[in-house]
N, C-alpha and C. Protein backbone atom coordinates (compact mmCIF):
# COMPACT_ATOMS: atom_id res chain seq x y z
N ILE A 1 150.07 123.46 123.00
CA ILE A 1 149.94 123.53 121.54
C ILE A 1 148.60 124.18 121.24
N GLU A 2 148.59 125.19 120.45
CA GLU A 2 147.35 125.85 120.04
C GLU A 2 147.21 125.68 118.54
N VAL A 3 146.09 125.03 118.13
CA VAL A 3 145.85 124.78 116.70
C VAL A 3 144.38 125.03 116.39
N PRO A 4 144.07 125.37 115.14
CA PRO A 4 142.66 125.52 114.76
C PRO A 4 141.97 124.15 114.74
N ALA A 5 140.67 124.18 114.93
CA ALA A 5 139.89 122.93 114.94
C ALA A 5 138.61 123.12 114.14
N THR A 6 138.14 122.03 113.59
CA THR A 6 136.84 121.99 112.93
C THR A 6 135.94 121.15 113.80
N THR A 7 134.73 121.63 114.08
CA THR A 7 133.81 120.87 114.93
C THR A 7 132.86 120.05 114.07
N ARG A 8 132.47 118.92 114.62
CA ARG A 8 131.42 118.10 114.01
C ARG A 8 130.70 117.38 115.13
N ALA A 9 129.42 117.16 114.94
CA ALA A 9 128.62 116.49 115.95
C ALA A 9 128.85 114.99 115.88
N GLU A 10 128.97 114.37 117.04
CA GLU A 10 129.13 112.92 117.08
C GLU A 10 127.83 112.24 116.63
N THR A 11 126.69 112.81 117.02
CA THR A 11 125.39 112.28 116.63
C THR A 11 124.71 113.28 115.71
N GLN A 12 124.43 112.84 114.51
CA GLN A 12 123.74 113.70 113.55
C GLN A 12 122.99 112.84 112.55
N CYS A 13 121.99 113.39 111.94
CA CYS A 13 121.29 112.67 110.88
C CYS A 13 120.68 113.68 109.92
N ILE A 14 120.43 113.20 108.73
CA ILE A 14 119.82 114.03 107.68
C ILE A 14 118.37 113.57 107.53
N VAL A 15 117.45 114.52 107.55
CA VAL A 15 116.03 114.21 107.38
C VAL A 15 115.68 114.48 105.92
N THR A 16 115.05 113.49 105.29
CA THR A 16 114.71 113.58 103.87
C THR A 16 113.20 113.58 103.68
N ALA A 17 112.78 113.98 102.50
CA ALA A 17 111.35 113.96 102.16
C ALA A 17 110.91 112.50 102.00
N SER A 18 109.81 112.15 102.65
CA SER A 18 109.33 110.76 102.58
C SER A 18 108.60 110.46 101.28
N PHE A 19 108.16 111.49 100.58
CA PHE A 19 107.55 111.32 99.26
C PHE A 19 107.66 112.65 98.52
N ALA A 20 107.45 112.61 97.22
CA ALA A 20 107.51 113.83 96.41
C ALA A 20 106.24 114.65 96.61
N ALA A 21 106.43 115.91 96.98
CA ALA A 21 105.29 116.80 97.22
C ALA A 21 105.81 118.21 97.47
N PRO A 22 104.94 119.20 97.34
CA PRO A 22 105.35 120.55 97.72
C PRO A 22 105.60 120.62 99.23
N LEU A 23 106.56 121.42 99.63
CA LEU A 23 106.86 121.64 101.04
C LEU A 23 105.87 122.70 101.52
N ALA A 24 104.84 122.27 102.24
CA ALA A 24 103.72 123.14 102.58
C ALA A 24 103.97 124.05 103.77
N GLU A 25 104.76 123.59 104.72
CA GLU A 25 104.88 124.32 105.98
C GLU A 25 106.27 124.13 106.56
N ILE A 26 106.83 125.19 107.11
CA ILE A 26 108.12 125.12 107.79
C ILE A 26 107.93 125.76 109.16
N ASN A 27 108.26 125.02 110.22
CA ASN A 27 108.02 125.48 111.58
C ASN A 27 109.28 125.71 112.39
N ALA A 28 110.43 125.70 111.75
CA ALA A 28 111.68 125.88 112.48
C ALA A 28 112.66 126.62 111.59
N THR A 29 113.67 127.18 112.20
CA THR A 29 114.68 127.91 111.45
C THR A 29 116.06 127.35 111.73
N ASP A 30 116.97 127.69 110.87
CA ASP A 30 118.36 127.25 111.01
C ASP A 30 118.89 127.68 112.38
N GLY A 31 119.50 126.75 113.09
CA GLY A 31 120.09 127.04 114.39
C GLY A 31 119.14 126.87 115.56
N GLN A 32 117.88 126.54 115.30
CA GLN A 32 116.89 126.36 116.36
C GLN A 32 117.06 124.99 117.01
N THR A 33 116.81 124.91 118.32
CA THR A 33 116.82 123.63 119.02
C THR A 33 115.41 123.05 118.93
N VAL A 34 115.33 121.77 118.58
CA VAL A 34 114.04 121.09 118.46
C VAL A 34 114.03 119.85 119.33
N GLU A 35 112.84 119.47 119.82
CA GLU A 35 112.68 118.32 120.70
C GLU A 35 112.38 117.05 119.91
N ALA A 36 112.99 115.96 120.31
CA ALA A 36 112.81 114.67 119.63
C ALA A 36 111.35 114.25 119.65
N GLY A 37 110.84 113.88 118.47
CA GLY A 37 109.51 113.32 118.34
C GLY A 37 108.38 114.30 118.59
N GLN A 38 108.67 115.52 118.99
CA GLN A 38 107.60 116.48 119.30
C GLN A 38 107.58 117.66 118.36
N SER A 39 108.71 118.07 117.89
CA SER A 39 108.79 119.26 117.05
C SER A 39 108.60 118.88 115.58
N VAL A 40 107.49 119.34 115.00
CA VAL A 40 107.28 119.16 113.57
C VAL A 40 108.06 120.27 112.89
N VAL A 41 109.16 119.92 112.27
CA VAL A 41 110.04 120.90 111.64
C VAL A 41 109.42 121.42 110.35
N ALA A 42 108.85 120.51 109.57
CA ALA A 42 108.24 120.88 108.30
C ALA A 42 107.14 119.87 107.98
N ARG A 43 106.29 120.25 107.04
CA ARG A 43 105.19 119.36 106.64
C ARG A 43 105.06 119.41 105.12
N LEU A 44 104.93 118.21 104.54
CA LEU A 44 104.72 118.10 103.10
C LEU A 44 103.23 118.24 102.80
N ASP A 45 102.92 118.76 101.63
CA ASP A 45 101.54 118.94 101.19
C ASP A 45 100.92 117.56 100.93
N THR A 46 99.76 117.30 101.51
CA THR A 46 99.11 115.98 101.37
C THR A 46 97.82 116.05 100.55
N ARG A 47 97.57 117.15 99.88
CA ARG A 47 96.29 117.27 99.14
C ARG A 47 96.13 116.17 98.10
N GLU A 48 97.19 115.84 97.38
CA GLU A 48 97.09 114.79 96.36
C GLU A 48 96.81 113.43 97.01
N ILE A 49 97.46 113.18 98.13
CA ILE A 49 97.24 111.91 98.85
C ILE A 49 95.80 111.85 99.35
N GLU A 50 95.30 112.97 99.88
CA GLU A 50 93.93 113.01 100.40
C GLU A 50 92.93 112.73 99.29
N THR A 51 93.18 113.29 98.10
CA THR A 51 92.29 113.04 96.95
C THR A 51 92.34 111.56 96.57
N ASP A 52 93.55 110.99 96.54
CA ASP A 52 93.69 109.56 96.23
C ASP A 52 92.99 108.70 97.29
N LEU A 53 93.06 109.12 98.55
CA LEU A 53 92.41 108.37 99.63
C LEU A 53 90.89 108.37 99.48
N ILE A 54 90.34 109.51 99.14
CA ILE A 54 88.88 109.60 98.93
C ILE A 54 88.46 108.64 97.82
N ALA A 55 89.21 108.65 96.72
CA ALA A 55 88.89 107.77 95.59
C ALA A 55 89.05 106.30 95.99
N ALA A 56 90.12 105.99 96.71
CA ALA A 56 90.36 104.59 97.12
C ALA A 56 89.27 104.11 98.08
N ARG A 57 88.83 104.99 98.98
CA ARG A 57 87.76 104.60 99.92
C ARG A 57 86.43 104.39 99.19
N ALA A 58 86.17 105.22 98.18
CA ALA A 58 84.94 105.04 97.39
C ALA A 58 85.01 103.73 96.60
N ASP A 59 86.17 103.46 96.00
CA ASP A 59 86.34 102.20 95.27
C ASP A 59 86.22 101.01 96.22
N HIS A 60 86.72 101.15 97.43
CA HIS A 60 86.65 100.07 98.42
C HIS A 60 85.19 99.80 98.79
N ALA A 61 84.42 100.87 98.97
CA ALA A 61 82.99 100.69 99.30
C ALA A 61 82.27 99.97 98.16
N GLU A 62 82.58 100.34 96.91
CA GLU A 62 81.98 99.65 95.76
C GLU A 62 82.42 98.19 95.71
N ALA A 63 83.67 97.93 96.04
CA ALA A 63 84.18 96.55 96.03
C ALA A 63 83.50 95.71 97.10
N LEU A 64 83.20 96.31 98.25
CA LEU A 64 82.48 95.58 99.30
C LEU A 64 81.07 95.19 98.83
N LEU A 65 80.42 96.12 98.12
CA LEU A 65 79.09 95.81 97.57
C LEU A 65 79.19 94.71 96.51
N ALA A 66 80.20 94.80 95.66
CA ALA A 66 80.39 93.78 94.61
C ALA A 66 80.66 92.42 95.24
N ARG A 67 81.40 92.41 96.34
CA ARG A 67 81.67 91.14 97.02
C ARG A 67 80.38 90.55 97.59
N GLU A 68 79.53 91.39 98.16
CA GLU A 68 78.26 90.89 98.71
C GLU A 68 77.36 90.36 97.59
N ASN A 69 77.37 91.05 96.45
CA ASN A 69 76.58 90.56 95.31
C ASN A 69 77.13 89.22 94.82
N ALA A 70 78.45 89.08 94.81
CA ALA A 70 79.07 87.82 94.38
C ALA A 70 78.71 86.68 95.33
N ARG A 71 78.61 86.97 96.60
CA ARG A 71 78.19 85.94 97.56
C ARG A 71 76.78 85.43 97.24
N GLY A 72 75.92 86.37 96.85
CA GLY A 72 74.54 86.01 96.52
C GLY A 72 74.45 85.17 95.25
N GLN A 73 75.41 85.32 94.34
CA GLN A 73 75.40 84.57 93.09
C GLN A 73 75.93 83.15 93.28
N ARG A 74 76.58 82.89 94.37
CA ARG A 74 77.14 81.56 94.68
C ARG A 74 78.09 81.07 93.59
N ASN A 75 78.88 82.00 93.06
CA ASN A 75 79.89 81.67 92.06
C ASN A 75 81.25 81.86 92.73
N ALA A 76 81.96 80.77 92.97
CA ALA A 76 83.22 80.82 93.72
C ALA A 76 84.27 81.68 93.04
N ALA A 77 84.37 81.62 91.74
CA ALA A 77 85.38 82.39 91.01
C ALA A 77 85.10 83.89 91.11
N THR A 78 83.85 84.26 90.93
CA THR A 78 83.46 85.67 91.02
C THR A 78 83.66 86.18 92.44
N LEU A 79 83.29 85.36 93.43
CA LEU A 79 83.47 85.75 94.83
C LEU A 79 84.95 85.95 95.15
N ARG A 80 85.78 85.02 94.70
CA ARG A 80 87.21 85.13 94.98
C ARG A 80 87.80 86.40 94.34
N GLN A 81 87.40 86.69 93.14
CA GLN A 81 87.87 87.90 92.46
C GLN A 81 87.42 89.15 93.22
N ALA A 82 86.19 89.16 93.71
CA ALA A 82 85.67 90.29 94.47
C ALA A 82 86.43 90.44 95.80
N GLU A 83 86.74 89.32 96.45
CA GLU A 83 87.49 89.37 97.71
C GLU A 83 88.90 89.92 97.49
N LEU A 84 89.54 89.52 96.40
CA LEU A 84 90.88 90.02 96.09
C LEU A 84 90.85 91.52 95.82
N GLU A 85 89.81 91.99 95.16
CA GLU A 85 89.69 93.42 94.89
C GLU A 85 89.51 94.20 96.19
N VAL A 86 88.72 93.67 97.12
CA VAL A 86 88.55 94.32 98.43
C VAL A 86 89.90 94.38 99.15
N GLU A 87 90.66 93.30 99.13
CA GLU A 87 91.98 93.26 99.77
C GLU A 87 92.95 94.25 99.12
N ARG A 88 92.93 94.31 97.80
CA ARG A 88 93.82 95.22 97.08
C ARG A 88 93.53 96.67 97.46
N LEU A 89 92.26 97.01 97.48
CA LEU A 89 91.88 98.38 97.81
C LEU A 89 92.16 98.71 99.29
N ARG A 90 91.98 97.73 100.17
CA ARG A 90 92.31 97.95 101.59
C ARG A 90 93.81 98.22 101.73
N ALA A 91 94.64 97.47 101.00
CA ALA A 91 96.09 97.69 101.03
C ALA A 91 96.43 99.07 100.48
N ARG A 92 95.73 99.49 99.43
CA ARG A 92 95.97 100.82 98.85
C ARG A 92 95.64 101.92 99.86
N ILE A 93 94.52 101.76 100.56
CA ILE A 93 94.13 102.74 101.58
C ILE A 93 95.17 102.78 102.70
N ASP A 94 95.60 101.61 103.16
CA ASP A 94 96.63 101.56 104.22
C ASP A 94 97.92 102.24 103.77
N HIS A 95 98.31 101.99 102.52
CA HIS A 95 99.52 102.61 101.98
C HIS A 95 99.39 104.14 101.95
N LEU A 96 98.28 104.63 101.48
CA LEU A 96 98.07 106.08 101.40
C LEU A 96 98.01 106.73 102.79
N GLU A 97 97.38 106.05 103.74
CA GLU A 97 97.32 106.58 105.11
C GLU A 97 98.70 106.64 105.73
N THR A 98 99.51 105.63 105.50
CA THR A 98 100.89 105.61 106.02
C THR A 98 101.70 106.72 105.36
N LYS A 99 101.51 106.88 104.07
CA LYS A 99 102.22 107.93 103.34
C LYS A 99 101.85 109.31 103.89
N ALA A 100 100.58 109.53 104.16
CA ALA A 100 100.12 110.82 104.70
C ALA A 100 100.74 111.08 106.08
N GLN A 101 100.91 110.02 106.86
CA GLN A 101 101.52 110.19 108.18
C GLN A 101 102.98 110.64 108.06
N GLY A 102 103.63 110.29 106.97
CA GLY A 102 105.01 110.69 106.74
C GLY A 102 105.15 112.13 106.26
N ALA A 103 104.04 112.85 106.17
CA ALA A 103 104.09 114.24 105.72
C ALA A 103 104.69 115.16 106.76
N SER A 104 104.58 114.79 108.02
CA SER A 104 105.15 115.60 109.10
C SER A 104 106.59 115.18 109.31
N LEU A 105 107.50 116.09 109.08
CA LEU A 105 108.92 115.81 109.24
C LEU A 105 109.32 116.22 110.66
N ILE A 106 109.61 115.22 111.47
CA ILE A 106 109.84 115.40 112.90
C ILE A 106 111.29 115.09 113.21
N ALA A 107 111.87 115.86 114.10
CA ALA A 107 113.26 115.62 114.52
C ALA A 107 113.33 114.28 115.26
N PRO A 108 114.21 113.37 114.83
CA PRO A 108 114.30 112.06 115.46
C PRO A 108 115.03 112.09 116.82
N ILE A 109 115.81 113.12 117.07
CA ILE A 109 116.53 113.27 118.34
C ILE A 109 116.43 114.73 118.77
N SER A 110 116.58 115.01 120.08
CA SER A 110 116.59 116.40 120.55
C SER A 110 117.89 117.01 120.07
N VAL A 111 117.74 118.02 119.24
CA VAL A 111 118.89 118.46 118.47
C VAL A 111 118.87 119.93 118.13
N LEU A 112 119.94 120.31 117.48
CA LEU A 112 120.08 121.62 116.86
C LEU A 112 119.80 121.40 115.38
N LEU A 113 118.93 122.22 114.83
CA LEU A 113 118.55 122.11 113.42
C LEU A 113 119.53 122.90 112.57
N LEU A 114 120.06 122.25 111.54
CA LEU A 114 120.94 122.92 110.59
C LEU A 114 120.25 122.87 109.23
N ALA A 115 119.67 124.00 108.85
CA ALA A 115 118.91 124.05 107.61
C ALA A 115 119.02 125.45 107.01
N PRO A 116 120.20 125.82 106.54
CA PRO A 116 120.37 127.19 106.06
C PRO A 116 119.48 127.58 104.89
N ASP A 117 119.05 126.62 104.06
CA ASP A 117 118.24 126.98 102.89
C ASP A 117 116.83 126.40 102.94
N LEU A 118 116.39 125.93 104.10
CA LEU A 118 115.07 125.31 104.21
C LEU A 118 113.96 126.31 103.89
N ALA A 119 114.05 127.54 104.38
CA ALA A 119 113.01 128.54 104.13
C ALA A 119 112.84 128.82 102.64
N ASP A 120 113.92 128.70 101.87
CA ASP A 120 113.84 128.94 100.42
C ASP A 120 113.01 127.87 99.71
N LYS A 121 112.85 126.72 100.35
CA LYS A 121 112.15 125.60 99.71
C LYS A 121 110.64 125.61 99.95
N GLN A 122 110.15 126.50 100.83
CA GLN A 122 108.72 126.51 101.12
C GLN A 122 107.93 126.71 99.84
N GLY A 123 106.95 125.83 99.61
CA GLY A 123 106.11 125.88 98.43
C GLY A 123 106.69 125.13 97.24
N ALA A 124 107.98 124.88 97.26
CA ALA A 124 108.62 124.15 96.15
C ALA A 124 108.37 122.66 96.30
N THR A 125 108.30 121.96 95.18
CA THR A 125 108.13 120.51 95.22
C THR A 125 109.49 119.87 95.48
N VAL A 126 109.50 119.00 96.49
CA VAL A 126 110.73 118.26 96.83
C VAL A 126 110.57 116.82 96.35
N ARG A 127 111.68 116.19 96.05
CA ARG A 127 111.67 114.81 95.57
C ARG A 127 111.73 113.84 96.76
N GLN A 128 111.20 112.66 96.59
CA GLN A 128 111.31 111.63 97.61
C GLN A 128 112.79 111.35 97.87
N GLY A 129 113.18 111.34 99.12
CA GLY A 129 114.56 111.08 99.49
C GLY A 129 115.46 112.31 99.45
N GLU A 130 114.93 113.44 99.01
CA GLU A 130 115.74 114.67 98.95
C GLU A 130 116.07 115.13 100.37
N PRO A 131 117.34 115.39 100.66
CA PRO A 131 117.71 115.90 101.99
C PRO A 131 117.13 117.29 102.20
N LEU A 132 116.43 117.47 103.31
CA LEU A 132 115.80 118.76 103.60
C LEU A 132 116.54 119.53 104.69
N PHE A 133 116.98 118.81 105.71
CA PHE A 133 117.72 119.47 106.78
C PHE A 133 118.53 118.43 107.56
N LYS A 134 119.49 118.94 108.29
CA LYS A 134 120.34 118.08 109.12
C LYS A 134 120.06 118.42 110.57
N VAL A 135 120.02 117.40 111.41
CA VAL A 135 119.88 117.63 112.85
C VAL A 135 121.13 117.07 113.52
N VAL A 136 121.64 117.82 114.49
CA VAL A 136 122.85 117.41 115.19
C VAL A 136 122.63 117.54 116.69
N ASP A 137 123.27 116.69 117.44
CA ASP A 137 123.24 116.76 118.89
C ASP A 137 124.46 117.56 119.33
N PRO A 138 124.26 118.82 119.74
CA PRO A 138 125.40 119.67 120.07
C PRO A 138 126.00 119.37 121.44
N SER A 139 125.41 118.43 122.17
CA SER A 139 125.94 118.14 123.51
C SER A 139 127.24 117.33 123.44
N ARG A 140 127.51 116.72 122.31
CA ARG A 140 128.73 115.91 122.19
C ARG A 140 129.37 116.22 120.84
N LEU A 141 130.33 117.12 120.86
CA LEU A 141 131.01 117.52 119.64
C LEU A 141 132.38 116.87 119.55
N MET A 142 132.79 116.62 118.35
CA MET A 142 134.14 116.12 118.08
C MET A 142 134.90 117.27 117.43
N LEU A 143 136.18 117.35 117.72
CA LEU A 143 137.04 118.37 117.13
C LEU A 143 138.06 117.68 116.25
N ASP A 144 138.18 118.14 115.04
CA ASP A 144 139.22 117.63 114.14
C ASP A 144 140.33 118.68 114.13
N LEU A 145 141.51 118.26 114.53
CA LEU A 145 142.66 119.16 114.64
C LEU A 145 143.72 118.80 113.61
N LYS A 146 144.40 119.79 113.13
CA LYS A 146 145.55 119.54 112.25
C LYS A 146 146.77 120.05 113.01
N VAL A 147 147.51 119.09 113.57
CA VAL A 147 148.68 119.41 114.38
C VAL A 147 149.92 119.25 113.50
N PRO A 148 150.79 120.24 113.53
CA PRO A 148 152.04 120.10 112.75
C PRO A 148 152.80 118.84 113.17
N GLN A 149 153.38 118.17 112.18
CA GLN A 149 154.10 116.91 112.42
C GLN A 149 155.14 117.07 113.53
N SER A 150 155.78 118.23 113.61
CA SER A 150 156.82 118.45 114.62
C SER A 150 156.26 118.46 116.04
N ARG A 151 154.96 118.63 116.19
CA ARG A 151 154.34 118.70 117.53
C ARG A 151 153.61 117.43 117.92
N VAL A 152 153.38 116.53 116.99
CA VAL A 152 152.60 115.32 117.26
C VAL A 152 153.23 114.49 118.38
N GLY A 153 154.55 114.47 118.46
CA GLY A 153 155.24 113.68 119.48
C GLY A 153 154.94 114.14 120.89
N ARG A 154 154.44 115.34 121.07
CA ARG A 154 154.11 115.86 122.40
C ARG A 154 152.73 115.42 122.87
N LEU A 155 151.97 114.79 121.99
CA LEU A 155 150.59 114.43 122.30
C LEU A 155 150.43 112.93 122.50
N ALA A 156 149.43 112.56 123.31
CA ALA A 156 149.10 111.15 123.54
C ALA A 156 147.59 111.04 123.73
N ASP A 157 147.03 109.87 123.37
CA ASP A 157 145.60 109.63 123.58
C ASP A 157 145.27 109.91 125.04
N GLY A 158 144.15 110.59 125.26
CA GLY A 158 143.69 110.88 126.61
C GLY A 158 144.16 112.22 127.15
N ASP A 159 145.08 112.90 126.45
CA ASP A 159 145.56 114.21 126.92
C ASP A 159 144.39 115.18 127.04
N PRO A 160 144.36 115.97 128.12
CA PRO A 160 143.31 116.97 128.27
C PRO A 160 143.61 118.19 127.42
N GLY A 161 142.57 118.95 127.12
CA GLY A 161 142.74 120.18 126.35
C GLY A 161 141.58 121.11 126.60
N THR A 162 141.58 122.22 125.94
CA THR A 162 140.51 123.21 126.06
C THR A 162 140.15 123.68 124.66
N PHE A 163 138.85 123.75 124.41
CA PHE A 163 138.34 124.26 123.13
C PHE A 163 137.77 125.65 123.37
N ARG A 164 138.20 126.61 122.55
CA ARG A 164 137.68 127.98 122.61
C ARG A 164 137.11 128.31 121.23
N PRO A 165 135.79 128.52 121.13
CA PRO A 165 135.19 128.81 119.82
C PRO A 165 135.59 130.19 119.31
N ASP A 166 135.72 130.31 117.99
CA ASP A 166 136.08 131.59 117.36
C ASP A 166 135.09 132.70 117.68
N PHE A 167 133.80 132.34 117.73
CA PHE A 167 132.79 133.38 117.94
C PHE A 167 132.85 133.97 119.34
N ASP A 168 133.47 133.27 120.31
CA ASP A 168 133.63 133.80 121.67
C ASP A 168 134.79 133.10 122.37
N PRO A 169 136.01 133.56 122.12
CA PRO A 169 137.19 132.92 122.70
C PRO A 169 137.23 132.95 124.23
N SER A 170 136.35 133.75 124.85
CA SER A 170 136.32 133.76 126.32
C SER A 170 135.68 132.48 126.86
N GLN A 171 134.91 131.77 126.03
CA GLN A 171 134.35 130.49 126.45
C GLN A 171 135.45 129.43 126.41
N ALA A 172 135.49 128.60 127.43
CA ALA A 172 136.47 127.52 127.48
C ALA A 172 135.74 126.22 127.78
N HIS A 173 135.85 125.26 126.86
CA HIS A 173 135.17 123.97 127.02
C HIS A 173 136.23 122.88 127.16
N PRO A 174 136.11 122.04 128.20
CA PRO A 174 137.09 120.97 128.35
C PRO A 174 137.00 119.98 127.20
N ALA A 175 138.15 119.47 126.80
CA ALA A 175 138.23 118.50 125.71
C ALA A 175 139.25 117.44 126.08
N GLN A 176 139.19 116.33 125.38
CA GLN A 176 140.15 115.24 125.62
C GLN A 176 140.53 114.65 124.26
N LEU A 177 141.81 114.43 124.09
CA LEU A 177 142.32 113.83 122.86
C LEU A 177 141.91 112.37 122.83
N SER A 178 141.20 111.99 121.75
CA SER A 178 140.71 110.61 121.70
C SER A 178 141.39 109.77 120.63
N GLU A 179 142.02 110.41 119.64
CA GLU A 179 142.63 109.62 118.58
C GLU A 179 143.68 110.45 117.86
N LEU A 180 144.81 109.83 117.62
CA LEU A 180 145.88 110.46 116.83
C LEU A 180 145.99 109.70 115.51
N SER A 181 146.13 110.46 114.43
CA SER A 181 146.26 109.85 113.13
C SER A 181 147.35 110.58 112.37
N SER A 182 148.20 109.85 111.67
CA SER A 182 149.27 110.49 110.92
C SER A 182 148.76 111.19 109.66
N ALA A 183 147.50 110.92 109.31
CA ALA A 183 146.93 111.56 108.12
C ALA A 183 146.78 113.05 108.38
């Protein structure tokens, strides 16, 4: 039985923007293979975060001085308020540093990058959670086949087959039928 097939990767994921910012840098192209955890595919602009970090660190330094002054006054309420301000600013700094680390968009698995319009987005502001590109593991593909109802009776789970891609029918890849569905 020879039928057309649609391919899909068994393992794939969509990488999204971790925060709203301009897309500052793109280091990969559609169809490129990237290494898990090592290939920085794109980077978000962190200038606004860096400015906020400088301000938060300056405020934190002032809060540390205010806390030391409060200790000298021996006023428990003032000291407690100063300590809470130091903690709040420390949390703000930690949050901004973590956010800045999320600026580098890295492939989570060794994959093939699918990003046909990623280059068009360079310099544009992306929204938090906006899908930027898809990564797929091409080593394990699934084939979706539409077999005519009259031929389904000839097939059974586990039957061997061969997949020949349209772009090069001379290539032959072994396949195995894993599931039959009447849909």
